[in-house]
Amino acid sequence: MSNGATSRQPLPPPSRSEAVRFSIASTIMEGQSVSEDMERLLHQWKEEAIDDDELMRRALEPEPALADEPVYTPGE
């Protein structure tokens, strides 16, 4: 006899591609703008010139320091 309750199956984890998209979108939204480099990178990914791993690595790596800004070196 059933009490009307249904057994729920857990949702499958998001695909790796969905996780990458979410991570990149979150990063872009935090900055509230998309640089030309990021646009190029996303276009390469869309055209499948690079895979999810490469997109994530390149999109989430820190921006290189600007040439005219001093770079902090511990101990100076």
N, C-alpha and C. Protein backbone atom coordinates (compact mmCIF):
# COMPACT_ATOMS: atom_id res chain seq x y z
N MET A 1 0.84 -1.17 0.00
CA MET A 1 0.00 0.00 0.00
C MET A 1 0.89 1.24 0.00
N SER A 2 0.58 2.16 -0.86
CA SER A 2 1.40 3.36 -1.00
C SER A 2 0.80 4.50 -0.20
N ASN A 3 1.64 5.29 0.43
CA ASN A 3 1.15 6.44 1.18
C ASN A 3 1.19 7.72 0.34
N GLY A 4 1.39 7.58 -0.96
CA GLY A 4 1.42 8.74 -1.84
C GLY A 4 2.79 9.34 -2.02
N ALA A 5 3.75 8.94 -1.19
CA ALA A 5 5.11 9.47 -1.31
C ALA A 5 5.80 8.79 -2.49
N THR A 6 6.54 9.55 -3.20
CA THR A 6 7.30 8.98 -4.31
C THR A 6 8.77 8.99 -3.97
N SER A 7 9.44 8.00 -4.44
CA SER A 7 10.87 7.93 -4.20
C SER A 7 11.56 8.81 -5.24
N ARG A 8 12.38 9.72 -4.78
CA ARG A 8 13.09 10.64 -5.69
C ARG A 8 14.48 10.12 -5.96
N GLN A 9 14.82 10.11 -7.21
CA GLN A 9 16.17 9.75 -7.60
C GLN A 9 17.02 11.02 -7.54
N PRO A 10 18.25 10.91 -7.05
CA PRO A 10 19.10 12.11 -7.03
C PRO A 10 19.39 12.57 -8.46
N LEU A 11 19.49 13.87 -8.60
CA LEU A 11 19.82 14.42 -9.91
C LEU A 11 21.25 14.04 -10.28
N PRO A 12 21.48 13.77 -11.55
CA PRO A 12 22.86 13.47 -11.95
C PRO A 12 23.71 14.73 -11.82
N PRO A 13 24.99 14.55 -11.57
CA PRO A 13 25.85 15.74 -11.48
C PRO A 13 25.89 16.44 -12.84
N PRO A 14 26.10 17.75 -12.83
CA PRO A 14 26.17 18.46 -14.11
C PRO A 14 27.35 17.94 -14.92
N SER A 15 27.21 18.03 -16.20
CA SER A 15 28.32 17.59 -17.06
C SER A 15 29.50 18.53 -16.85
N ARG A 16 30.66 18.07 -17.22
CA ARG A 16 31.87 18.90 -17.08
C ARG A 16 31.72 20.19 -17.86
N SER A 17 31.12 20.10 -19.04
CA SER A 17 30.94 21.28 -19.87
C SER A 17 30.04 22.30 -19.18
N GLU A 18 28.97 21.82 -18.53
CA GLU A 18 28.08 22.74 -17.81
C GLU A 18 28.82 23.40 -16.66
N ALA A 19 29.66 22.64 -15.96
CA ALA A 19 30.43 23.20 -14.85
C ALA A 19 31.40 24.27 -15.35
N VAL A 20 32.02 24.01 -16.49
CA VAL A 20 32.95 25.00 -17.07
C VAL A 20 32.19 26.26 -17.45
N ARG A 21 31.05 26.09 -18.11
CA ARG A 21 30.24 27.26 -18.51
C ARG A 21 29.85 28.09 -17.29
N PHE A 22 29.42 27.42 -16.22
CA PHE A 22 29.01 28.13 -15.01
C PHE A 22 30.19 28.88 -14.41
N SER A 23 31.34 28.23 -14.34
CA SER A 23 32.52 28.87 -13.77
C SER A 23 32.94 30.09 -14.57
N ILE A 24 32.95 29.97 -15.89
CA ILE A 24 33.34 31.10 -16.74
C ILE A 24 32.31 32.22 -16.64
N ALA A 25 31.03 31.86 -16.68
CA ALA A 25 29.98 32.88 -16.58
C ALA A 25 30.07 33.63 -15.25
N SER A 26 30.32 32.90 -14.16
CA SER A 26 30.45 33.54 -12.85
C SER A 26 31.62 34.51 -12.83
N THR A 27 32.73 34.09 -13.41
CA THR A 27 33.92 34.95 -13.45
C THR A 27 33.64 36.21 -14.26
N ILE A 28 32.99 36.05 -15.40
CA ILE A 28 32.66 37.20 -16.25
C ILE A 28 31.71 38.14 -15.52
N MET A 29 30.70 37.59 -14.85
CA MET A 29 29.72 38.43 -14.16
C MET A 29 30.36 39.20 -13.02
N GLU A 30 31.33 38.60 -12.33
CA GLU A 30 32.01 39.31 -11.26
C GLU A 30 32.73 40.54 -11.80
N GLY A 31 33.34 40.41 -12.96
CA GLY A 31 34.05 41.53 -13.58
C GLY A 31 33.12 42.49 -14.28
N GLN A 32 31.89 42.07 -14.55
CA GLN A 32 30.84 42.85 -15.20
C GLN A 32 31.23 43.35 -16.58
N SER A 33 32.22 42.73 -17.18
CA SER A 33 32.57 43.06 -18.56
C SER A 33 33.33 41.89 -19.15
N VAL A 34 33.40 41.86 -20.45
CA VAL A 34 34.11 40.79 -21.14
C VAL A 34 35.20 41.44 -21.99
N SER A 35 36.41 41.07 -21.73
CA SER A 35 37.53 41.64 -22.50
C SER A 35 37.54 41.04 -23.90
N GLU A 36 38.27 41.70 -24.78
CA GLU A 36 38.41 41.18 -26.15
C GLU A 36 39.08 39.81 -26.13
N ASP A 37 40.05 39.63 -25.23
CA ASP A 37 40.71 38.33 -25.12
C ASP A 37 39.72 37.24 -24.71
N MET A 38 38.83 37.57 -23.77
CA MET A 38 37.83 36.60 -23.33
C MET A 38 36.85 36.29 -24.46
N GLU A 39 36.46 37.31 -25.21
CA GLU A 39 35.57 37.07 -26.36
C GLU A 39 36.22 36.12 -27.35
N ARG A 40 37.50 36.34 -27.64
CA ARG A 40 38.24 35.47 -28.56
C ARG A 40 38.30 34.04 -28.03
N LEU A 41 38.57 33.93 -26.74
CA LEU A 41 38.67 32.63 -26.10
C LEU A 41 37.33 31.88 -26.17
N LEU A 42 36.25 32.57 -25.85
CA LEU A 42 34.93 31.94 -25.91
C LEU A 42 34.56 31.55 -27.34
N HIS A 43 34.97 32.37 -28.30
CA HIS A 43 34.70 32.03 -29.69
C HIS A 43 35.48 30.77 -30.10
N GLN A 44 36.73 30.67 -29.69
CA GLN A 44 37.52 29.47 -29.99
C GLN A 44 36.87 28.23 -29.40
N TRP A 45 36.35 28.36 -28.19
CA TRP A 45 35.69 27.25 -27.51
C TRP A 45 34.41 26.86 -28.25
N LYS A 46 33.63 27.88 -28.63
CA LYS A 46 32.38 27.62 -29.35
C LYS A 46 32.65 26.90 -30.67
N GLU A 47 33.72 27.29 -31.33
CA GLU A 47 34.08 26.67 -32.61
C GLU A 47 34.83 25.35 -32.42
N GLU A 48 34.99 24.93 -31.15
CA GLU A 48 35.66 23.68 -30.78
C GLU A 48 37.14 23.67 -31.15
N ALA A 49 37.74 24.85 -31.22
CA ALA A 49 39.19 24.94 -31.46
C ALA A 49 39.95 24.61 -30.17
N ILE A 50 39.30 24.83 -29.02
CA ILE A 50 39.87 24.44 -27.72
C ILE A 50 38.81 23.67 -26.95
N ASP A 51 39.24 22.82 -26.02
CA ASP A 51 38.29 22.03 -25.25
C ASP A 51 37.98 22.71 -23.91
N ASP A 52 37.12 22.06 -23.12
CA ASP A 52 36.71 22.61 -21.83
C ASP A 52 37.90 22.87 -20.92
N ASP A 53 38.84 21.92 -20.87
CA ASP A 53 40.00 22.08 -19.99
C ASP A 53 40.82 23.31 -20.35
N GLU A 54 41.06 23.49 -21.65
CA GLU A 54 41.85 24.64 -22.09
C GLU A 54 41.10 25.94 -21.83
N LEU A 55 39.80 25.95 -22.07
CA LEU A 55 39.00 27.15 -21.79
C LEU A 55 39.10 27.51 -20.32
N MET A 56 38.90 26.53 -19.45
CA MET A 56 38.93 26.80 -18.02
C MET A 56 40.32 27.28 -17.60
N ARG A 57 41.36 26.62 -18.07
CA ARG A 57 42.72 27.01 -17.68
C ARG A 57 43.02 28.44 -18.10
N ARG A 58 42.72 28.76 -19.35
CA ARG A 58 43.06 30.09 -19.87
C ARG A 58 42.15 31.18 -19.33
N ALA A 59 40.88 30.88 -19.12
CA ALA A 59 39.95 31.91 -18.65
C ALA A 59 40.13 32.23 -17.18
N LEU A 60 40.54 31.26 -16.40
CA LEU A 60 40.63 31.48 -14.96
C LEU A 60 42.04 31.82 -14.48
N GLU A 61 43.01 31.83 -15.39
CA GLU A 61 44.35 32.20 -14.95
C GLU A 61 44.38 33.70 -14.69
N PRO A 62 45.20 34.13 -13.73
CA PRO A 62 45.24 35.56 -13.41
C PRO A 62 45.73 36.40 -14.58
N GLU A 63 45.23 37.61 -14.63
CA GLU A 63 45.65 38.55 -15.67
C GLU A 63 47.14 38.85 -15.48
N PRO A 64 47.89 38.94 -16.55
CA PRO A 64 49.31 39.30 -16.39
C PRO A 64 49.42 40.74 -15.87
N ALA A 65 50.43 40.97 -15.08
CA ALA A 65 50.64 42.31 -14.53
C ALA A 65 50.89 43.29 -15.67
N LEU A 66 50.38 44.49 -15.52
CA LEU A 66 50.61 45.53 -16.53
C LEU A 66 52.07 45.95 -16.51
N ALA A 67 52.62 46.21 -17.66
CA ALA A 67 54.05 46.52 -17.78
C ALA A 67 54.44 47.77 -16.99
N ASP A 68 53.54 48.75 -16.89
CA ASP A 68 53.91 50.00 -16.21
C ASP A 68 53.61 49.98 -14.72
N GLU A 69 53.10 48.87 -14.20
CA GLU A 69 52.83 48.77 -12.77
C GLU A 69 53.96 48.01 -12.10
N PRO A 70 54.38 48.47 -10.92
CA PRO A 70 55.42 47.71 -10.21
C PRO A 70 54.87 46.36 -9.77
N VAL A 71 55.70 45.36 -9.81
CA VAL A 71 55.30 44.02 -9.39
C VAL A 71 55.84 43.81 -7.98
N TYR A 72 54.96 43.42 -7.07
CA TYR A 72 55.35 43.20 -5.68
C TYR A 72 56.20 41.94 -5.59
N THR A 73 57.34 42.05 -4.95
CA THR A 73 58.19 40.91 -4.68
C THR A 73 58.39 40.84 -3.18
N PRO A 74 57.98 39.73 -2.54
CA PRO A 74 58.15 39.63 -1.09
C PRO A 74 59.61 39.86 -0.69
N GLY A 75 59.81 40.57 0.40
CA GLY A 75 61.14 40.81 0.91
C GLY A 75 61.77 42.11 0.42
N GLU A 76 61.08 42.84 -0.44
CA GLU A 76 61.65 44.10 -0.93
C GLU A 76 61.33 45.23 0.02
